[in-house]
Amino acid sequence: MSTQAQFPAETSKSGEFVRQQYTIRDRITADGSSGFPAEAGRYHLYVSLACPWAHRALIVRRLLGLEDVIGMTVVDPIRDEQGWAFREGPGHGPDPVCSFQYLSEAYLRTDPSYTGRYTVPCIWDRVSGRLVTNNYPDITIDFETQFTAFHKPGAPDLYPEHLRAEIDEISDLVYRDVNNGVYRAGFAAAQEAYEAAVTRLFDRLGWLEARLSSRRWLVGGQLTEADIRLYTTLARFDSVYVGHFKCNLRRLVDYPNLWAYARDLYQRPAFGETTDQDHIKRHYYMTHDQLNPTRIVPLGPLVDWTAPHGREALS
């Protein structure tokens, strides 16, 4: 069995966190032109409830009603030197497709020479017996645009054509400064790199706070892909990123608009019922030994995600 270090960070010479490129990047298409046609029952999604990138796919799958179309398995939140594992436990279980014990087996069956990290989310194709993609931005876009024939009645259009340019623009800013920004702070290996990442992160949070003061959603007058991408970082902010990643200039609850916006989303089943703070905290605090050598998982914070958000007036 191939092994991997528990610590996921690679850093530049200046101590900046560098995210791995995702190299399995085929696409699923409605017409099958990619070689991977959108079909019910063909594809299986591997996720971690702890991972913000995988959480996006969970939310979109639920919002669009694709649960019976695309299968799903949740890995154990505790990633060890062998990577993500399939084990029986609360909220996760064994792999029903190929009886893999470790996610690495899916990667190595796809490409025996694969040397990158074994990441979630990723999609397995039952027909070809290989992974289709581990490129998380493509996964939700394909669910939204290529599986439309399988969407439930009344499913939201999360990536409407007339808003795509703005959704992409906002998503790029959020990814650079917030989604990836917390990792650039948490895994920085030099003071200057850490301070630059934290400054950029909180500048962007301030920008988002102002943007959400007069609108319910990030783009247009509806829930879109951009909101889903921001939410998964906000859901982990106070419980993990403030302390574990040293993103502690302010907490999410210190931003009236952002905190109300996050609650507005959480109180929708597709968001709240896929947000598992137990998996989230156990993964981060028990996996990153270099950041938390005692592996003690904090009990807090105690915040009420169900409190009224009052954002209906902005609809």
C-alpha atoms as a PDB file:
ATOM      1  CA  MET A   1       0.000   0.000   0.000  1.00  0.00           C
ATOM      2  CA  SER A   2       1.347   3.397  -0.969  1.00  0.00           C
ATOM      3  CA  THR A   3       1.661   5.805   1.932  1.00  0.00           C
ATOM      4  CA  GLN A   4       1.381   9.530   2.213  1.00  0.00           C
ATOM      5  CA  ALA A   5       2.331  11.963   4.918  1.00  0.00           C
ATOM      6  CA  GLN A   6      -0.503  13.143   7.108  1.00  0.00           C
ATOM      7  CA  PHE A   7       0.453  16.776   6.562  1.00  0.00           C
ATOM      8  CA  PRO A   8      -1.027  17.948   3.271  1.00  0.00           C
ATOM      9  CA  ALA A   9       0.975  21.116   2.799  1.00  0.00           C
ATOM     10  CA  GLU A  10       3.657  21.888   0.287  1.00  0.00           C
ATOM     11  CA  THR A  11       5.344  25.264   0.609  1.00  0.00           C
ATOM     12  CA  SER A  12       7.427  27.495  -1.615  1.00  0.00           C
ATOM     13  CA  LYS A  13      10.911  28.730  -0.722  1.00  0.00           C
ATOM     14  CA  SER A  14       9.289  31.809   0.797  1.00  0.00           C
ATOM     15  CA  GLY A  15       7.096  29.674   3.047  1.00  0.00           C
ATOM     16  CA  GLU A  16       3.856  30.079   1.096  1.00  0.00           C
ATOM     17  CA  PHE A  17       1.373  27.200   0.908  1.00  0.00           C
ATOM     18  CA  VAL A  18       1.154  25.712  -2.602  1.00  0.00           C
ATOM     19  CA  ARG A  19      -1.917  23.643  -3.478  1.00  0.00           C
ATOM     20  CA  GLN A  20      -1.458  20.512  -5.533  1.00  0.00           C
ATOM     21  CA  GLN A  21      -2.770  20.530  -9.097  1.00  0.00           C
ATOM     22  CA  TYR A  22      -5.634  18.130  -9.701  1.00  0.00           C
ATOM     23  CA  THR A  23      -4.666  15.897 -12.609  1.00  0.00           C
ATOM     24  CA  ILE A  24      -7.626  13.547 -13.186  1.00  0.00           C
ATOM     25  CA  ARG A  25      -9.802  15.941 -15.131  1.00  0.00           C
ATOM     26  CA  ASP A  26     -12.179  14.185 -17.507  1.00  0.00           C
ATOM     27  CA  ARG A  27     -15.685  15.600 -17.747  1.00  0.00           C
ATOM     28  CA  ILE A  28     -19.147  14.059 -17.692  1.00  0.00           C
ATOM     29  CA  THR A  29     -21.322  15.388 -20.517  1.00  0.00           C
ATOM     30  CA  ALA A  30     -25.038  15.182 -21.253  1.00  0.00           C
ATOM     31  CA  ASP A  31     -24.403  14.022 -24.825  1.00  0.00           C
ATOM     32  CA  GLY A  32     -21.567  11.663 -23.969  1.00  0.00           C
ATOM     33  CA  SER A  33     -19.108  13.502 -26.219  1.00  0.00           C
ATOM     34  CA  SER A  34     -16.465  13.317 -23.498  1.00  0.00           C
ATOM     35  CA  GLY A  35     -16.686   9.535 -23.354  1.00  0.00           C
ATOM     36  CA  PHE A  36     -18.464   9.786 -20.003  1.00  0.00           C
ATOM     37  CA  PRO A  37     -22.197  10.293 -20.611  1.00  0.00           C
ATOM     38  CA  ALA A  38     -24.485  11.495 -17.841  1.00  0.00           C
ATOM     39  CA  GLU A  39     -26.350   8.350 -16.806  1.00  0.00           C
ATOM     40  CA  ALA A  40     -28.233   7.324 -13.689  1.00  0.00           C
ATOM     41  CA  GLY A  41     -26.441   4.762 -11.567  1.00  0.00           C
ATOM     42  CA  ARG A  42     -23.169   4.895 -13.461  1.00  0.00           C
ATOM     43  CA  TYR A  43     -21.107   7.226 -11.254  1.00  0.00           C
ATOM     44  CA  HIS A  44     -20.109   7.095  -7.605  1.00  0.00           C
ATOM     45  CA  LEU A  45     -18.983  10.089  -5.571  1.00  0.00           C
ATOM     46  CA  TYR A  46     -16.348   9.693  -2.853  1.00  0.00           C
ATOM     47  CA  VAL A  47     -16.405  12.452  -0.232  1.00  0.00           C
ATOM     48  CA  SER A  48     -15.339  13.462   3.231  1.00  0.00           C
ATOM     49  CA  LEU A  49     -17.846  15.351   5.369  1.00  0.00           C
ATOM     50  CA  ALA A  50     -14.869  17.261   6.764  1.00  0.00           C
ATOM     51  CA  CYS A  51     -13.562  18.530   3.432  1.00  0.00           C
ATOM     52  CA  PRO A  52     -14.913  21.897   2.209  1.00  0.00           C
ATOM     53  CA  TRP A  53     -14.247  20.999  -1.434  1.00  0.00           C
ATOM     54  CA  ALA A  54     -16.213  17.754  -1.102  1.00  0.00           C
ATOM     55  CA  HIS A  55     -18.942  19.511   0.879  1.00  0.00           C
ATOM     56  CA  ARG A  56     -19.797  21.547  -2.217  1.00  0.00           C
ATOM     57  CA  ALA A  57     -20.624  18.348  -4.122  1.00  0.00           C
ATOM     58  CA  LEU A  58     -22.763  17.082  -1.232  1.00  0.00           C
ATOM     59  CA  ILE A  59     -24.826  20.269  -1.191  1.00  0.00           C
ATOM     60  CA  VAL A  60     -25.330  20.422  -4.952  1.00  0.00           C
ATOM     61  CA  ARG A  61     -26.222  16.718  -5.181  1.00  0.00           C
ATOM     62  CA  ARG A  62     -28.865  17.267  -2.512  1.00  0.00           C
ATOM     63  CA  LEU A  63     -30.249  20.533  -3.935  1.00  0.00           C
ATOM     64  CA  LEU A  64     -30.678  19.001  -7.391  1.00  0.00           C
ATOM     65  CA  GLY A  65     -32.175  15.735  -6.162  1.00  0.00           C
ATOM     66  CA  LEU A  66     -29.399  13.549  -7.561  1.00  0.00           C
ATOM     67  CA  GLU A  67     -29.138  11.205  -4.576  1.00  0.00           C
ATOM     68  CA  ASP A  68     -30.632   8.255  -6.496  1.00  0.00           C
ATOM     69  CA  VAL A  69     -28.713   9.127  -9.660  1.00  0.00           C
ATOM     70  CA  ILE A  70     -25.171   9.442  -8.291  1.00  0.00           C
ATOM     71  CA  GLY A  71     -24.104   7.094  -5.514  1.00  0.00           C
ATOM     72  CA  MET A  72     -21.941   8.302  -2.651  1.00  0.00           C
ATOM     73  CA  THR A  73     -19.581   6.952  -0.004  1.00  0.00           C
ATOM     74  CA  VAL A  74     -18.174   8.928   2.927  1.00  0.00           C
ATOM     75  CA  VAL A  75     -14.626   8.233   4.107  1.00  0.00           C
ATOM     76  CA  ASP A  76     -13.429   8.136   7.696  1.00  0.00           C
ATOM     77  CA  PRO A  77     -12.674  11.724   8.800  1.00  0.00           C
ATOM     78  CA  ILE A  78      -9.343  10.704  10.332  1.00  0.00           C
ATOM     79  CA  ARG A  79      -6.771  10.550   7.543  1.00  0.00           C
ATOM     80  CA  ASP A  80      -3.599   8.703   8.525  1.00  0.00           C
ATOM     81  CA  GLU A  81      -0.323   7.969   6.720  1.00  0.00           C
ATOM     82  CA  GLN A  82      -2.220   5.769   4.253  1.00  0.00           C
ATOM     83  CA  GLY A  83      -4.642   8.533   3.337  1.00  0.00           C
ATOM     84  CA  TRP A  84      -8.434   8.487   3.376  1.00  0.00           C
ATOM     85  CA  ALA A  85      -9.885   5.152   4.486  1.00  0.00           C
ATOM     86  CA  PHE A  86     -13.238   3.395   4.186  1.00  0.00           C
ATOM     87  CA  ARG A  87     -14.218   2.184   7.657  1.00  0.00           C
ATOM     88  CA  GLU A  88     -17.431   1.548   9.534  1.00  0.00           C
ATOM     89  CA  GLY A  89     -18.207   4.451  11.824  1.00  0.00           C
ATOM     90  CA  PRO A  90     -20.650   7.232  12.654  1.00  0.00           C
ATOM     91  CA  GLY A  91     -21.488   8.981   9.405  1.00  0.00           C
ATOM     92  CA  HIS A  92     -19.164   6.921   7.197  1.00  0.00           C
ATOM     93  CA  GLY A  93     -18.806   3.369   5.966  1.00  0.00           C
ATOM     94  CA  PRO A  94     -17.189   0.815   3.643  1.00  0.00           C
ATOM     95  CA  ASP A  95     -16.903   1.201  -0.109  1.00  0.00           C
ATOM     96  CA  PRO A  96     -19.835  -0.565  -1.821  1.00  0.00           C
ATOM     97  CA  VAL A  97     -18.459  -0.296  -5.353  1.00  0.00           C
ATOM     98  CA  CYS A  98     -15.066  -2.008  -5.414  1.00  0.00           C
ATOM     99  CA  SER A  99     -14.608  -2.871  -1.725  1.00  0.00           C
ATOM    100  CA  PHE A 100     -11.654  -0.512  -1.538  1.00  0.00           C
ATOM    101  CA  GLN A 101     -10.129  -0.131   1.897  1.00  0.00           C
ATOM    102  CA  TYR A 102      -8.330   3.090   1.022  1.00  0.00           C
ATOM    103  CA  LEU A 103      -9.131   5.803  -1.481  1.00  0.00           C
ATOM    104  CA  SER A 104      -5.594   5.398  -2.825  1.00  0.00           C
ATOM    105  CA  GLU A 105      -6.708   2.118  -4.384  1.00  0.00           C
ATOM    106  CA  ALA A 106      -9.137   3.966  -6.659  1.00  0.00           C
ATOM    107  CA  TYR A 107      -6.368   6.318  -7.770  1.00  0.00           C
ATOM    108  CA  LEU A 108      -3.849   3.554  -8.395  1.00  0.00           C
ATOM    109  CA  ARG A 109      -6.368   1.421 -10.265  1.00  0.00           C
ATOM    110  CA  THR A 110      -7.011   4.439 -12.477  1.00  0.00           C
ATOM    111  CA  ASP A 111      -3.308   5.178 -12.953  1.00  0.00           C
ATOM    112  CA  PRO A 112      -0.728   2.783 -11.426  1.00  0.00           C
ATOM    113  CA  SER A 113       1.931   5.475 -11.818  1.00  0.00           C
ATOM    114  CA  TYR A 114      -0.064   8.127  -9.918  1.00  0.00           C
ATOM    115  CA  THR A 115       2.111   9.931  -7.369  1.00  0.00           C
ATOM    116  CA  GLY A 116      -0.063  12.852  -6.209  1.00  0.00           C
ATOM    117  CA  ARG A 117      -2.161  13.120  -3.094  1.00  0.00           C
ATOM    118  CA  TYR A 118      -5.332  11.036  -2.901  1.00  0.00           C
ATOM    119  CA  THR A 119      -7.997  13.706  -2.599  1.00  0.00           C
ATOM    120  CA  VAL A 120     -11.739  14.031  -2.182  1.00  0.00           C
ATOM    121  CA  PRO A 121     -14.094  14.661  -3.837  1.00  0.00           C
ATOM    122  CA  CYS A 122     -13.604  12.314  -6.749  1.00  0.00           C
ATOM    123  CA  ILE A 123     -15.965  10.411  -9.029  1.00  0.00           C
ATOM    124  CA  TRP A 124     -15.677   6.742  -9.952  1.00  0.00           C
ATOM    125  CA  ASP A 125     -17.118   5.364 -13.199  1.00  0.00           C
ATOM    126  CA  ARG A 126     -18.571   1.886 -12.756  1.00  0.00           C
ATOM    127  CA  VAL A 127     -18.481   1.183 -16.516  1.00  0.00           C
ATOM    128  CA  SER A 128     -14.834   1.965 -17.269  1.00  0.00           C
ATOM    129  CA  GLY A 129     -13.651   1.011 -13.778  1.00  0.00           C
ATOM    130  CA  ARG A 130     -11.674   4.186 -13.167  1.00  0.00           C
ATOM    131  CA  LEU A 131     -11.881   7.653 -11.677  1.00  0.00           C
ATOM    132  CA  VAL A 132     -13.332  10.270 -13.996  1.00  0.00           C
ATOM    133  CA  THR A 133     -12.232  13.347 -12.083  1.00  0.00           C
ATOM    134  CA  ASN A 134     -10.808  14.671  -8.850  1.00  0.00           C
ATOM    135  CA  ASN A 135     -11.036  18.291 -10.015  1.00  0.00           C
ATOM    136  CA  TYR A 136     -13.576  19.588  -7.513  1.00  0.00           C
ATOM    137  CA  PRO A 137     -14.676  22.776  -9.365  1.00  0.00           C
ATOM    138  CA  ASP A 138     -15.766  20.685 -12.361  1.00  0.00           C
ATOM    139  CA  ILE A 139     -17.813  18.242 -10.292  1.00  0.00           C
ATOM    140  CA  THR A 140     -20.508  20.662  -9.143  1.00  0.00           C
ATOM    141  CA  ILE A 141     -20.639  22.444 -12.515  1.00  0.00           C
ATOM    142  CA  ASP A 142     -21.219  19.103 -14.261  1.00  0.00           C
ATOM    143  CA  PHE A 143     -23.938  18.166 -11.757  1.00  0.00           C
ATOM    144  CA  GLU A 144     -25.612  21.501 -12.494  1.00  0.00           C
ATOM    145  CA  THR A 145     -25.274  21.586 -16.275  1.00  0.00           C
ATOM    146  CA  GLN A 146     -24.872  18.017 -17.566  1.00  0.00           C
ATOM    147  CA  PHE A 147     -27.306  16.101 -15.344  1.00  0.00           C
ATOM    148  CA  THR A 148     -30.285  18.396 -15.986  1.00  0.00           C
ATOM    149  CA  ALA A 149     -32.342  15.479 -17.324  1.00  0.00           C
ATOM    150  CA  PHE A 150     -32.132  13.930 -13.857  1.00  0.00           C
ATOM    151  CA  HIS A 151     -32.770  17.019 -11.711  1.00  0.00           C
ATOM    152  CA  LYS A 152     -35.798  16.825  -9.451  1.00  0.00           C
ATOM    153  CA  PRO A 153     -38.849  18.944 -10.343  1.00  0.00           C
ATOM    154  CA  GLY A 154     -38.322  22.508  -9.177  1.00  0.00           C
ATOM    155  CA  ALA A 155     -34.569  22.085  -8.697  1.00  0.00           C
ATOM    156  CA  PRO A 156     -32.779  25.453  -8.556  1.00  0.00           C
ATOM    157  CA  ASP A 157     -30.674  26.619 -11.481  1.00  0.00           C
ATOM    158  CA  LEU A 158     -27.403  27.094  -9.633  1.00  0.00           C
ATOM    159  CA  TYR A 159     -25.370  28.120 -12.673  1.00  0.00           C
ATOM    160  CA  PRO A 160     -27.750  30.086 -14.931  1.00  0.00           C
ATOM    161  CA  GLU A 161     -26.247  31.128 -18.241  1.00  0.00           C
ATOM    162  CA  HIS A 162     -26.975  34.831 -17.833  1.00  0.00           C
ATOM    163  CA  LEU A 163     -25.114  34.942 -14.501  1.00  0.00           C
ATOM    164  CA  ARG A 164     -22.175  32.651 -15.273  1.00  0.00           C
ATOM    165  CA  ALA A 165     -19.616  35.360 -15.956  1.00  0.00           C
ATOM    166  CA  GLU A 166     -20.362  37.085 -12.651  1.00  0.00           C
ATOM    167  CA  ILE A 167     -20.560  33.789 -10.747  1.00  0.00           C
ATOM    168  CA  ASP A 168     -17.135  32.830 -12.106  1.00  0.00           C
ATOM    169  CA  GLU A 169     -15.667  36.230 -11.258  1.00  0.00           C
ATOM    170  CA  ILE A 170     -16.939  36.191  -7.666  1.00  0.00           C
ATOM    171  CA  SER A 171     -15.998  32.537  -7.228  1.00  0.00           C
ATOM    172  CA  ASP A 172     -12.438  33.238  -8.352  1.00  0.00           C
ATOM    173  CA  LEU A 173     -12.073  36.028  -5.784  1.00  0.00           C
ATOM    174  CA  VAL A 174     -13.582  33.894  -3.021  1.00  0.00           C
ATOM    175  CA  TYR A 175     -11.372  30.935  -3.905  1.00  0.00           C
ATOM    176  CA  ARG A 176      -8.172  32.973  -3.989  1.00  0.00           C
ATOM    177  CA  ASP A 177      -8.676  34.939  -0.795  1.00  0.00           C
ATOM    178  CA  VAL A 178     -11.092  32.871   1.324  1.00  0.00           C
ATOM    179  CA  ASN A 179     -11.458  29.190   0.315  1.00  0.00           C
ATOM    180  CA  ASN A 180      -7.745  28.753  -0.325  1.00  0.00           C
ATOM    181  CA  GLY A 181      -6.809  31.755   1.792  1.00  0.00           C
ATOM    182  CA  VAL A 182      -7.441  29.954   5.066  1.00  0.00           C
ATOM    183  CA  TYR A 183      -5.090  27.171   3.953  1.00  0.00           C
ATOM    184  CA  ARG A 184      -2.465  29.684   2.849  1.00  0.00           C
ATOM    185  CA  ALA A 185      -2.597  31.076   6.378  1.00  0.00           C
ATOM    186  CA  GLY A 186      -2.808  27.770   8.227  1.00  0.00           C
ATOM    187  CA  PHE A 187      -0.020  26.010   6.358  1.00  0.00           C
ATOM    188  CA  ALA A 188       2.300  28.969   5.903  1.00  0.00           C
ATOM    189  CA  ALA A 189       5.851  28.133   6.900  1.00  0.00           C
ATOM    190  CA  ALA A 190       7.048  31.707   7.377  1.00  0.00           C
ATOM    191  CA  GLN A 191       5.700  34.677   9.332  1.00  0.00           C
ATOM    192  CA  GLU A 192       5.606  36.975   6.305  1.00  0.00           C
ATOM    193  CA  ALA A 193       3.679  34.446   4.213  1.00  0.00           C
ATOM    194  CA  TYR A 194       1.206  33.881   7.053  1.00  0.00           C
ATOM    195  CA  GLU A 195       0.588  37.582   7.616  1.00  0.00           C
ATOM    196  CA  ALA A 196       0.095  38.237   3.911  1.00  0.00           C
ATOM    197  CA  ALA A 197      -2.473  35.435   3.662  1.00  0.00           C
ATOM    198  CA  VAL A 198      -4.371  36.507   6.780  1.00  0.00           C
ATOM    199  CA  THR A 199      -4.465  40.145   5.682  1.00  0.00           C
ATOM    200  CA  ARG A 200      -5.815  39.187   2.271  1.00  0.00           C
ATOM    201  CA  LEU A 201      -8.373  36.848   3.849  1.00  0.00           C
ATOM    202  CA  PHE A 202      -9.829  39.446   6.200  1.00  0.00           C
ATOM    203  CA  ASP A 203      -9.796  42.149   3.552  1.00  0.00           C
ATOM    204  CA  ARG A 204     -11.964  39.879   1.417  1.00  0.00           C
ATOM    205  CA  LEU A 205     -14.258  39.004   4.315  1.00  0.00           C
ATOM    206  CA  GLY A 206     -14.782  42.723   4.866  1.00  0.00           C
ATOM    207  CA  TRP A 207     -15.608  43.109   1.180  1.00  0.00           C
ATOM    208  CA  LEU A 208     -18.101  40.247   1.405  1.00  0.00           C
ATOM    209  CA  GLU A 209     -19.650  41.722   4.553  1.00  0.00           C
ATOM    210  CA  ALA A 210     -20.306  44.952   2.671  1.00  0.00           C
ATOM    211  CA  ARG A 211     -21.590  43.175  -0.440  1.00  0.00           C
ATOM    212  CA  LEU A 212     -24.064  41.124   1.593  1.00  0.00           C
ATOM    213  CA  SER A 213     -25.407  44.145   3.463  1.00  0.00           C
ATOM    214  CA  SER A 214     -27.856  44.929   0.659  1.00  0.00           C
ATOM    215  CA  ARG A 215     -28.339  41.603  -1.102  1.00  0.00           C
ATOM    216  CA  ARG A 216     -29.350  38.168   0.078  1.00  0.00           C
ATOM    217  CA  TRP A 217     -27.118  36.285  -2.388  1.00  0.00           C
ATOM    218  CA  LEU A 218     -23.676  36.892  -3.808  1.00  0.00           C
ATOM    219  CA  VAL A 219     -24.831  37.039  -7.429  1.00  0.00           C
ATOM    220  CA  GLY A 220     -28.191  38.060  -8.849  1.00  0.00           C
ATOM    221  CA  GLY A 221     -31.342  37.532  -6.861  1.00  0.00           C
ATOM    222  CA  GLN A 222     -30.981  33.805  -6.324  1.00  0.00           C
ATOM    223  CA  LEU A 223     -28.913  31.053  -4.751  1.00  0.00           C
ATOM    224  CA  THR A 224     -26.027  30.096  -7.052  1.00  0.00           C
ATOM    225  CA  GLU A 225     -22.819  28.103  -7.220  1.00  0.00           C
ATOM    226  CA  ALA A 226     -20.994  31.128  -5.796  1.00  0.00           C
ATOM    227  CA  ASP A 227     -22.941  30.926  -2.512  1.00  0.00           C
ATOM    228  CA  ILE A 228     -22.221  27.216  -2.151  1.00  0.00           C
ATOM    229  CA  ARG A 229     -18.502  27.795  -2.632  1.00  0.00           C
ATOM    230  CA  LEU A 230     -18.378  30.469   0.044  1.00  0.00           C
ATOM    231  CA  TYR A 231     -20.601  28.620   2.519  1.00  0.00           C
ATOM    232  CA  THR A 232     -18.339  25.601   2.972  1.00  0.00           C
ATOM    233  CA  THR A 233     -15.520  27.805   4.246  1.00  0.00           C
ATOM    234  CA  LEU A 234     -17.832  29.839   6.482  1.00  0.00           C
ATOM    235  CA  ALA A 235     -19.203  26.613   8.004  1.00  0.00           C
ATOM    236  CA  ARG A 236     -15.697  25.718   9.182  1.00  0.00           C
ATOM    237  CA  PHE A 237     -14.462  29.174  10.051  1.00  0.00           C
ATOM    238  CA  ASP A 238     -15.105  29.556  13.774  1.00  0.00           C
ATOM    239  CA  SER A 239     -14.798  25.855  14.605  1.00  0.00           C
ATOM    240  CA  VAL A 240     -11.478  25.274  12.816  1.00  0.00           C
ATOM    241  CA  TYR A 241      -9.900  28.134  10.899  1.00  0.00           C
ATOM    242  CA  VAL A 242      -9.945  30.744  13.676  1.00  0.00           C
ATOM    243  CA  GLY A 243      -7.893  28.594  16.038  1.00  0.00           C
ATOM    244  CA  HIS A 244      -6.306  25.738  14.112  1.00  0.00           C
ATOM    245  CA  PHE A 245      -5.286  27.876  11.112  1.00  0.00           C
ATOM    246  CA  LYS A 246      -4.622  31.075  13.138  1.00  0.00           C
ATOM    247  CA  CYS A 247      -7.213  33.068  11.159  1.00  0.00           C
ATOM    248  CA  ASN A 248      -8.120  34.929  14.310  1.00  0.00           C
ATOM    249  CA  LEU A 249      -8.355  38.639  13.542  1.00  0.00           C
ATOM    250  CA  ARG A 250     -12.124  38.222  13.767  1.00  0.00           C
ATOM    251  CA  ARG A 251     -14.638  35.381  13.935  1.00  0.00           C
ATOM    252  CA  LEU A 252     -17.508  34.732  11.555  1.00  0.00           C
ATOM    253  CA  VAL A 253     -19.928  35.705  14.329  1.00  0.00           C
ATOM    254  CA  ASP A 254     -18.284  39.144  14.427  1.00  0.00           C
ATOM    255  CA  TYR A 255     -19.627  39.929  10.941  1.00  0.00           C
ATOM    256  CA  PRO A 256     -23.377  40.659  11.210  1.00  0.00           C
ATOM    257  CA  ASN A 257     -24.141  40.185   7.510  1.00  0.00           C
ATOM    258  CA  LEU A 258     -21.846  37.249   6.819  1.00  0.00           C
ATOM    259  CA  TRP A 259     -22.981  35.426   9.958  1.00  0.00           C
ATOM    260  CA  ALA A 260     -26.670  35.969   9.124  1.00  0.00           C
ATOM    261  CA  TYR A 261     -26.000  34.906   5.520  1.00  0.00           C
ATOM    262  CA  ALA A 262     -24.277  31.709   6.719  1.00  0.00           C
ATOM    263  CA  ARG A 263     -27.241  30.898   8.979  1.00  0.00           C
ATOM    264  CA  ASP A 264     -29.661  31.588   6.133  1.00  0.00           C
ATOM    265  CA  LEU A 265     -27.889  28.893   4.130  1.00  0.00           C
ATOM    266  CA  TYR A 266     -27.366  26.483   7.032  1.00  0.00           C
ATOM    267  CA  GLN A 267     -31.078  26.456   7.797  1.00  0.00           C
ATOM    268  CA  ARG A 268     -31.779  24.921   4.381  1.00  0.00           C
ATOM    269  CA  PRO A 269     -31.633  21.096   4.598  1.00  0.00           C
ATOM    270  CA  ALA A 270     -29.126  20.665   1.781  1.00  0.00           C
ATOM    271  CA  PHE A 271     -26.680  22.833   3.726  1.00  0.00           C
ATOM    272  CA  GLY A 272     -27.389  22.160   7.387  1.00  0.00           C
ATOM    273  CA  GLU A 273     -27.946  18.429   7.087  1.00  0.00           C
ATOM    274  CA  THR A 274     -24.642  17.974   5.247  1.00  0.00           C
ATOM    275  CA  THR A 275     -22.659  20.091   7.730  1.00  0.00           C
ATOM    276  CA  ASP A 276     -21.099  17.708  10.247  1.00  0.00           C
ATOM    277  CA  GLN A 277     -19.063  19.599  12.817  1.00  0.00           C
ATOM    278  CA  ASP A 278     -17.963  16.359  14.477  1.00  0.00           C
ATOM    279  CA  HIS A 279     -16.316  15.117  11.274  1.00  0.00           C
ATOM    280  CA  ILE A 280     -14.967  18.594  10.538  1.00  0.00           C
ATOM    281  CA  LYS A 281     -13.290  19.104  13.908  1.00  0.00           C
ATOM    282  CA  ARG A 282     -12.016  15.560  14.316  1.00  0.00           C
ATOM    283  CA  HIS A 283     -10.463  15.622  10.859  1.00  0.00           C
ATOM    284  CA  TYR A 284      -8.587  18.892  11.183  1.00  0.00           C
ATOM    285  CA  TYR A 285      -7.498  18.614  14.796  1.00  0.00           C
ATOM    286  CA  MET A 286      -6.604  14.901  14.692  1.00  0.00           C
ATOM    287  CA  THR A 287      -4.973  14.777  11.266  1.00  0.00           C
ATOM    288  CA  HIS A 288      -2.620  17.765  11.210  1.00  0.00           C
ATOM    289  CA  ASP A 289      -0.104  16.639  13.820  1.00  0.00           C
ATOM    290  CA  GLN A 290       2.313  19.434  12.989  1.00  0.00           C
ATOM    291  CA  LEU A 291      -0.335  22.029  13.843  1.00  0.00           C
ATOM    292  CA  ASN A 292      -1.898  20.166  16.772  1.00  0.00           C
ATOM    293  CA  PRO A 293       0.548  17.567  18.129  1.00  0.00           C
ATOM    294  CA  THR A 294      -1.677  16.646  21.084  1.00  0.00           C
ATOM    295  CA  ARG A 295      -4.569  15.862  18.694  1.00  0.00           C
ATOM    296  CA  ILE A 296      -6.982  17.282  21.286  1.00  0.00           C
ATOM    297  CA  VAL A 297     -10.300  18.245  19.673  1.00  0.00           C
ATOM    298  CA  PRO A 298     -11.858  21.406  21.162  1.00  0.00           C
ATOM    299  CA  LEU A 299     -15.401  21.276  22.504  1.00  0.00           C
ATOM    300  CA  GLY A 300     -16.379  24.696  21.184  1.00  0.00           C
ATOM    301  CA  PRO A 301     -17.355  27.065  19.899  1.00  0.00           C
ATOM    302  CA  LEU A 302     -20.923  27.158  21.136  1.00  0.00           C
ATOM    303  CA  VAL A 303     -22.860  29.129  18.522  1.00  0.00           C
ATOM    304  CA  ASP A 304     -26.490  28.901  17.460  1.00  0.00           C
ATOM    305  CA  TRP A 305     -26.737  28.201  13.748  1.00  0.00           C
ATOM    306  CA  THR A 306     -30.521  27.972  14.069  1.00  0.00           C
ATOM    307  CA  ALA A 307     -31.039  31.537  15.351  1.00  0.00           C
ATOM    308  CA  PRO A 308     -33.268  33.694  13.100  1.00  0.00           C
ATOM    309  CA  HIS A 309     -31.245  35.342  10.349  1.00  0.00           C
ATOM    310  CA  GLY A 310     -33.701  38.015   9.212  1.00  0.00           C
ATOM    311  CA  ARG A 311     -32.454  38.047   5.621  1.00  0.00           C
ATOM    312  CA  GLU A 312     -35.845  37.385   4.031  1.00  0.00           C
ATOM    313  CA  ALA A 313     -36.304  41.140   3.614  1.00  0.00           C
ATOM    314  CA  LEU A 314     -33.376  41.184   1.167  1.00  0.00           C
ATOM    315  CA  SER A 315     -34.997  38.738  -1.253  1.00  0.00           C
END
